[in-house]
Amino acid sequence: MRIVAAIPAFNEARHIAEVVIGAQKHVAEVLVCDDGSTDMTAEIAQKLGATVLKHQINLGKGVALKDLFRMAKDEGADIVVTLDGDGQHDPRQIPSLVQPILDGGADIVNGSRFLKTNPVPGHRRIGNGMLNDLTNAVTHEATTDTQSGFRAYSRMALERLEVKEHAMGVDSQLLIDAHSKGLRVSEVPIDAVYDKDSSTFHPTRHGTYVILSILRVAAERSPLLYLGLPGVISILIGVIVSLNMIEIYDASQYFSLPQAIIALGAFVVGLTLIMGAMMLYTINNLILRLRSG
């Protein structure tokens, strides 16, 4: 089995050497996508023997992973291990990460920081917990670390997965896509290092990207549930507010402008959501027919 490491990196000149050297001990080849770094990330990785693809501008982790997956398939990889370039993941754990795939029991293996005791900062633990709950609500699974970048993918998984998200929401998006396509996902415990300044994105910005990504993917998969139902609720709110406004007017001849604005806004939002849900539902059905026909 040809195992390849894939490392998306953005301004990781301080840590990329230890990650590349550590990964080289356990894989046949190391691929690095330098996503528009302004430091020496690409040069260091290439000097150490990694195959490097450099983006001229920062395009996002999702784009970097998409290019790395394509490169890995072109290189004939049977298993691809993704890990971050900031030194948070321990390359020595690559063998335990790929073992479930080698044993034939999984298509994707997710390295979880929460299956063992790790010194995860409080804000990260809370934020990841919320993102886990949101992702698991869509997949109906119980993945303990949906934001982990330390994963192993089989060749079949690479062939079937579609990387749609450009930014940090890609980790959740890939899990949702894997679930929808019936791929087997398992988890193994991993260590995580947080004694370095390894955060490229502010936690709030990161969380916002992921939440928007999950909501978009959920709406695309089940538009009637995630768009149509909120639309109906919004219209019902508009009806209730309108009836209350009419009742007040009948009793006192007072026209409540704030209630009128709320009712009108609720109707507009509701109708927009319902129309969007119907359009997406129609498009999804059309795509299914084209694929099956």
Foldseek 3Di string as FASTA:
>chain_A
DAEEEEEEAAQQPVQQLVVLVQLVVPGPAYEYEHQQHPDCNQVNNVVNPHHYHYDVHHFAPLVSVLVRLVVCVVVVHQKYWYAYRNPFFGSVCVVVQCVCVVVVNFQKEFADQPVDDAPDDPVCQVLQVVLQVLLCVLLVDNDRGLQGRTMMGGPVLSVQFDRDDRYSLRSSVRVNSCSVVVGGYYYDYGYTDDPDPRDPDDSVVNSVSNVVVSLVVSCLVQVCVSQVVQLVVLQVVLVVLVVVQVVVCVVPVDHDPVSVVSSVVSNVSSVVSNVVSVVSVVVVVVVVVVVVD
